[in-house]
Amino acid sequence: MSDAREALEIELLTEGIFRHYGVDFRHYAFASLRRRVWNSVHAEKLVTVTQLLDRVLHDTDAMERLLLQLSVNVTSMFRDPSFYRAFRDKVVPLLRSYPFIRIWHAGCSTGEEVYSMAILLEEEGLYERSRLYATDMNEAVLAQARKGIFAMNVMPEYAKNYALAGCKAQLSDYYLARYDFALFRQSLRRNVVFAHHNLVTDGSFNEFNVILCRNVMIYFDRELQGNVHRLFHASLRRFGVLALGRKESLRGTAHEHDYAELDAVEKIFRRSA
């Protein structure tokens, strides 16, 4: 298949999905999108992208499977422990001055990083006056996040991350082991609102003291990254904190001069304008 024909088929696929389902992948980075589309073609035992488009337009179950494939759901508890150390050292002192704290986890996936933040806030005595909004475009991963249940076989890795993040107890203090699963304490979900939100198509829904969107926008093209940064700027209170992934940047966006850098390595910024 020629590159031009393949690109056209993928363009028609994303346009068809957007028109029929209102889910917009048209501005995702092409290399990553292409790889995931072909994974779906093969998983559905099809031959062409056009066949995949025909299937998802007529089969909602196939669309759900494709959505899971196209959504990036790579996450873990206390992922990049140095980020949580930096957050504790440089952001928590700022949060102590607020009577109530609103935090938005944009693109929360299955929720591991949301529970990580809840634990950090609990240990810093801030959880009771915090509300965490955990959003994702994928209802399947949101349903998993709401449960707070994770496989026991990943707990040793998560416990190591927890310790490296400079936390104050044992990760096992926060969950009950049930056979092959770890059930995290209900109290960690008490102040969390899990909700559907699509960064591509949905607008601002509140005003936040902190927005975390780590390792999400690397899969977007420049135009879409700019749109999302405008959304975040509109949703963040003045002097609020924006946390991005290490490979992401404000450089080249319309708002690159509207933030002060709190941590250059961990990409933590504070809105100044």
Protein backbone atom coordinates (compact mmCIF):
# COMPACT_ATOMS: atom_id res chain seq x y z
CA MET A 1 0.00 0.00 0.00
CA SER A 2 1.30 3.45 -0.90
CA ASP A 3 1.95 5.95 1.90
CA ALA A 4 -0.51 8.38 0.31
CA ARG A 5 -3.32 5.82 0.17
CA GLU A 6 -2.64 4.69 3.74
CA ALA A 7 -2.72 8.28 4.98
CA LEU A 8 -6.00 8.84 3.13
CA GLU A 9 -7.59 5.73 4.66
CA ILE A 10 -6.55 6.78 8.17
CA GLU A 11 -7.85 10.29 7.52
CA LEU A 12 -11.20 8.85 6.39
CA LEU A 13 -11.28 6.60 9.46
CA THR A 14 -10.76 9.45 11.92
CA GLU A 15 -13.21 11.69 10.05
CA GLY A 16 -15.83 8.94 10.03
CA ILE A 17 -15.39 8.28 13.74
CA PHE A 18 -15.69 11.99 14.48
CA ARG A 19 -18.86 12.45 12.42
CA HIS A 20 -20.57 9.30 13.66
CA TYR A 21 -19.46 9.14 17.29
CA GLY A 22 -18.20 12.67 18.04
CA VAL A 23 -14.81 11.29 19.12
CA ASP A 24 -11.97 13.24 17.54
CA PHE A 25 -8.64 11.61 16.72
CA ARG A 26 -8.02 13.81 13.68
CA HIS A 27 -5.17 15.74 15.28
CA TYR A 28 -3.32 12.91 16.98
CA ALA A 29 0.34 12.50 16.04
CA PHE A 30 0.29 10.42 12.87
CA ALA A 31 3.05 7.91 13.67
CA SER A 32 1.44 6.84 16.95
CA LEU A 33 -2.06 6.88 15.44
CA ARG A 34 -0.95 4.77 12.47
CA ARG A 35 0.60 2.12 14.70
CA ARG A 36 -2.50 1.83 16.86
CA VAL A 37 -4.87 1.76 13.89
CA TRP A 38 -2.99 -1.14 12.34
CA ASN A 39 -2.97 -2.97 15.67
CA SER A 40 -6.76 -2.68 15.59
CA VAL A 41 -6.96 -3.85 11.97
CA HIS A 42 -5.03 -6.98 12.86
CA ALA A 43 -6.93 -7.55 16.13
CA GLU A 44 -10.21 -7.45 14.20
CA LYS A 45 -8.75 -9.93 11.66
CA LEU A 46 -9.18 -7.44 8.83
CA VAL A 47 -6.89 -6.46 5.97
CA THR A 48 -7.39 -2.74 5.38
CA VAL A 49 -8.13 0.42 7.35
CA THR A 50 -11.20 0.95 5.18
CA GLN A 51 -12.57 -2.38 6.41
CA LEU A 52 -11.98 -1.20 9.96
CA LEU A 53 -13.95 1.98 9.27
CA ASP A 54 -16.86 -0.05 7.88
CA ARG A 55 -16.87 -2.27 10.96
CA VAL A 56 -16.75 0.49 13.59
CA LEU A 57 -19.49 2.48 11.85
CA HIS A 58 -21.85 -0.50 12.05
CA ASP A 59 -20.69 -2.19 15.28
CA THR A 60 -20.54 -0.18 18.52
CA ASP A 61 -18.65 -3.00 20.26
CA ALA A 62 -15.94 -2.73 17.61
CA MET A 63 -15.85 1.01 18.23
CA GLU A 64 -15.31 0.41 21.95
CA ARG A 65 -12.43 -1.93 21.16
CA LEU A 66 -10.91 0.64 18.81
CA LEU A 67 -11.29 3.37 21.42
CA LEU A 68 -9.35 1.29 23.91
CA GLN A 69 -6.64 0.78 21.33
CA LEU A 70 -6.40 4.43 20.33
CA SER A 71 -6.53 5.77 23.88
CA VAL A 72 -3.13 5.86 25.55
CA ASN A 73 -3.52 4.15 28.93
CA VAL A 74 0.07 3.61 30.04
CA THR A 75 0.26 4.59 33.71
CA SER A 76 1.36 3.45 37.16
CA MET A 77 1.21 4.60 40.76
CA PHE A 78 3.79 7.28 41.63
CA ARG A 79 5.03 7.11 38.05
CA ASP A 80 8.28 9.11 37.79
CA PRO A 81 8.84 9.31 41.57
CA SER A 82 10.97 12.43 41.22
CA PHE A 83 7.88 14.28 39.99
CA TYR A 84 6.08 13.56 43.28
CA ARG A 85 9.12 14.67 45.27
CA ALA A 86 9.16 17.94 43.33
CA PHE A 87 5.41 18.35 43.78
CA ARG A 88 5.75 17.81 47.52
CA ASP A 89 8.64 20.26 47.81
CA LYS A 90 7.49 23.03 45.45
CA VAL A 91 3.72 22.82 45.08
CA VAL A 92 2.43 21.59 48.44
CA PRO A 93 3.71 24.72 50.29
CA LEU A 94 1.66 26.84 47.86
CA LEU A 95 -1.46 24.71 48.38
CA ARG A 96 -1.32 25.18 52.14
CA SER A 97 -2.45 28.79 51.69
CA TYR A 98 -5.73 27.78 50.02
CA PRO A 99 -8.87 27.12 52.09
CA PHE A 100 -10.08 24.70 49.40
CA ILE A 101 -8.05 23.00 46.66
CA ARG A 102 -9.34 21.89 43.26
CA ILE A 103 -7.11 19.59 41.24
CA TRP A 104 -7.82 18.34 37.72
CA HIS A 105 -6.23 15.11 36.47
CA ALA A 106 -6.83 15.46 32.72
CA GLY A 107 -6.53 12.12 30.94
CA CYS A 108 -6.53 10.10 34.15
CA SER A 109 -6.66 6.68 32.45
CA THR A 110 -7.24 3.87 34.96
CA GLY A 111 -6.60 6.15 37.93
CA GLU A 112 -3.25 5.12 39.34
CA GLU A 113 -1.90 8.67 39.37
CA VAL A 114 -5.11 10.00 40.91
CA TYR A 115 -4.78 7.63 43.86
CA SER A 116 -1.10 8.55 44.10
CA MET A 117 -2.01 12.23 44.45
CA ALA A 118 -4.74 11.41 46.98
CA ILE A 119 -2.18 9.57 49.10
CA LEU A 120 0.31 12.43 48.85
CA LEU A 121 -2.34 14.97 49.88
CA GLU A 122 -3.46 12.70 52.75
CA GLU A 123 0.10 12.51 54.05
CA GLU A 124 0.48 16.28 53.81
CA GLY A 125 -2.78 16.91 55.71
CA LEU A 126 -4.44 18.51 52.66
CA TYR A 127 -6.80 15.82 51.43
CA GLU A 128 -9.80 16.84 53.53
CA ARG A 129 -9.91 20.27 51.88
CA SER A 130 -9.21 18.98 48.38
CA ARG A 131 -11.42 17.91 45.51
CA LEU A 132 -9.82 15.90 42.72
CA TYR A 133 -11.51 15.81 39.32
CA ALA A 134 -10.31 12.80 37.35
CA THR A 135 -11.39 12.84 33.71
CA ASP A 136 -10.85 10.74 30.63
CA MET A 137 -12.49 10.30 27.23
CA ASN A 138 -12.70 6.53 27.70
CA GLU A 139 -15.61 5.24 29.78
CA ALA A 140 -14.06 1.80 30.17
CA VAL A 141 -10.92 3.07 31.89
CA LEU A 142 -12.98 5.48 34.01
CA ALA A 143 -15.08 2.56 35.26
CA GLN A 144 -11.88 0.79 36.29
CA ALA A 145 -10.52 3.93 37.96
CA ARG A 146 -13.68 4.35 40.05
CA LYS A 147 -13.20 0.89 41.58
CA GLY A 148 -9.71 1.55 42.92
CA ILE A 149 -8.74 -2.07 42.34
CA PHE A 150 -5.36 -2.96 40.86
CA ALA A 151 -3.49 -6.20 40.27
CA MET A 152 -1.37 -7.40 43.18
CA ASN A 153 1.49 -8.39 40.88
CA VAL A 154 2.27 -4.70 40.19
CA MET A 155 2.21 -3.66 43.84
CA PRO A 156 5.95 -4.30 44.42
CA GLU A 157 6.77 -1.88 41.58
CA TYR A 158 4.26 0.67 42.91
CA ALA A 159 5.64 0.30 46.44
CA LYS A 160 9.14 0.99 45.13
CA ASN A 161 7.89 4.11 43.34
CA TYR A 162 6.09 5.18 46.51
CA ALA A 163 9.29 4.93 48.56
CA LEU A 164 11.35 6.77 45.93
CA ALA A 165 8.73 9.52 45.89
CA GLY A 166 9.62 10.34 49.50
CA CYS A 167 6.33 9.23 51.01
CA LYS A 168 5.89 8.69 54.69
CA ALA A 169 4.46 5.24 55.35
CA GLN A 170 4.05 1.98 53.44
CA LEU A 171 1.93 1.73 50.30
CA SER A 172 0.32 -1.38 51.75
CA ASP A 173 -1.17 0.81 54.49
CA TYR A 174 -3.56 2.19 51.87
CA TYR A 175 -5.04 -1.01 50.44
CA LEU A 176 -6.46 -4.38 51.36
CA ALA A 177 -5.08 -7.46 49.62
CA ARG A 178 -7.87 -9.63 48.20
CA TYR A 179 -6.55 -12.70 46.39
CA ASP A 180 -4.86 -11.33 43.25
CA PHE A 181 -6.02 -7.75 43.69
CA ALA A 182 -5.33 -4.70 45.85
CA LEU A 183 -8.43 -2.74 46.91
CA PHE A 184 -7.52 0.83 47.83
CA ARG A 185 -9.23 2.49 50.76
CA GLN A 186 -12.64 4.02 50.16
CA SER A 187 -11.46 7.19 51.92
CA LEU A 188 -9.06 7.86 49.03
CA ARG A 189 -12.04 8.04 46.65
CA ARG A 190 -14.25 10.16 48.90
CA ASN A 191 -13.01 13.47 47.49
CA VAL A 192 -12.52 12.30 43.89
CA VAL A 193 -14.98 13.00 41.08
CA PHE A 194 -14.50 10.67 38.11
CA ALA A 195 -16.11 12.06 34.95
CA HIS A 196 -16.05 11.80 31.18
CA HIS A 197 -14.23 14.65 29.45
CA ASN A 198 -12.63 14.80 26.02
CA LEU A 199 -9.71 17.22 25.82
CA VAL A 200 -10.18 17.43 22.06
CA THR A 201 -13.84 18.44 21.95
CA ASP A 202 -14.97 19.51 25.44
CA GLY A 203 -14.52 22.87 27.14
CA SER A 204 -13.66 24.18 30.58
CA PHE A 205 -15.89 22.99 33.42
CA ASN A 206 -14.39 24.54 36.56
CA GLU A 207 -11.56 26.68 37.90
CA PHE A 208 -8.60 24.80 39.33
CA ASN A 209 -5.62 25.38 41.57
CA VAL A 210 -3.69 22.53 39.92
CA ILE A 211 -4.00 20.83 36.54
CA LEU A 212 -2.04 17.65 35.87
CA CYS A 213 -1.81 16.34 32.31
CA ARG A 214 1.31 14.23 32.17
CA ASN A 215 2.39 12.26 29.12
CA VAL A 216 -0.85 12.89 27.23
CA MET A 217 -0.13 15.69 24.78
CA ILE A 218 2.91 13.96 23.30
CA TYR A 219 0.36 12.04 21.22
CA PHE A 220 -1.23 15.25 19.84
CA ASP A 221 -0.12 17.32 16.89
CA ARG A 222 0.93 20.95 17.40
CA GLU A 223 -2.49 22.39 16.58
CA LEU A 224 -4.25 20.18 19.10
CA GLN A 225 -1.59 20.83 21.74
CA GLY A 226 -2.24 24.54 21.31
CA ASN A 227 -5.97 24.04 21.73
CA VAL A 228 -5.49 22.05 24.91
CA HIS A 229 -3.11 24.64 26.36
CA ARG A 230 -5.76 27.31 25.75
CA LEU A 231 -8.26 25.12 27.60
CA PHE A 232 -5.89 24.66 30.53
CA HIS A 233 -5.09 28.37 30.73
CA ALA A 234 -8.81 29.17 30.79
CA SER A 235 -9.37 26.55 33.51
CA LEU A 236 -6.47 27.46 35.80
CA ARG A 237 -6.71 30.13 38.48
CA ARG A 238 -4.09 32.83 38.45
CA PHE A 239 -1.00 31.50 40.27
CA GLY A 240 -2.36 27.99 39.77
CA VAL A 241 0.00 25.14 38.88
CA LEU A 242 0.23 23.24 35.60
CA ALA A 243 2.13 19.93 35.57
CA LEU A 244 3.13 18.32 32.29
CA GLY A 245 5.18 15.27 31.38
CA ARG A 246 8.96 15.50 30.98
CA LYS A 247 8.75 15.25 27.19
CA GLU A 248 6.15 18.01 26.95
CA SER A 249 6.66 21.74 26.80
CA LEU A 250 4.97 25.11 26.79
CA ARG A 251 7.43 26.33 24.18
CA GLY A 252 5.79 27.50 20.99
CA THR A 253 2.30 27.72 22.51
CA ALA A 254 0.27 30.91 22.77
CA HIS A 255 0.68 30.80 26.57
CA GLU A 256 4.38 30.04 26.94
CA HIS A 257 4.97 33.47 28.52
CA ASP A 258 2.02 33.21 30.89
CA TYR A 259 3.75 30.81 33.29
CA ALA A 260 6.73 30.85 35.60
CA GLU A 261 8.84 27.71 35.84
CA LEU A 262 8.72 25.94 39.21
CA ASP A 263 10.69 22.87 38.14
CA ALA A 264 12.43 22.73 34.76
CA VAL A 265 13.06 18.97 34.81
CA GLU A 266 9.64 17.85 35.98
CA LYS A 267 7.86 20.47 33.83
CA ILE A 268 5.90 22.10 36.66
CA PHE A 269 4.74 25.65 35.94
CA ARG A 270 2.85 28.35 37.82
CA ARG A 271 0.45 30.62 35.99
CA SER A 272 1.52 34.24 36.23
CA ALA A 273 -0.88 35.90 33.81
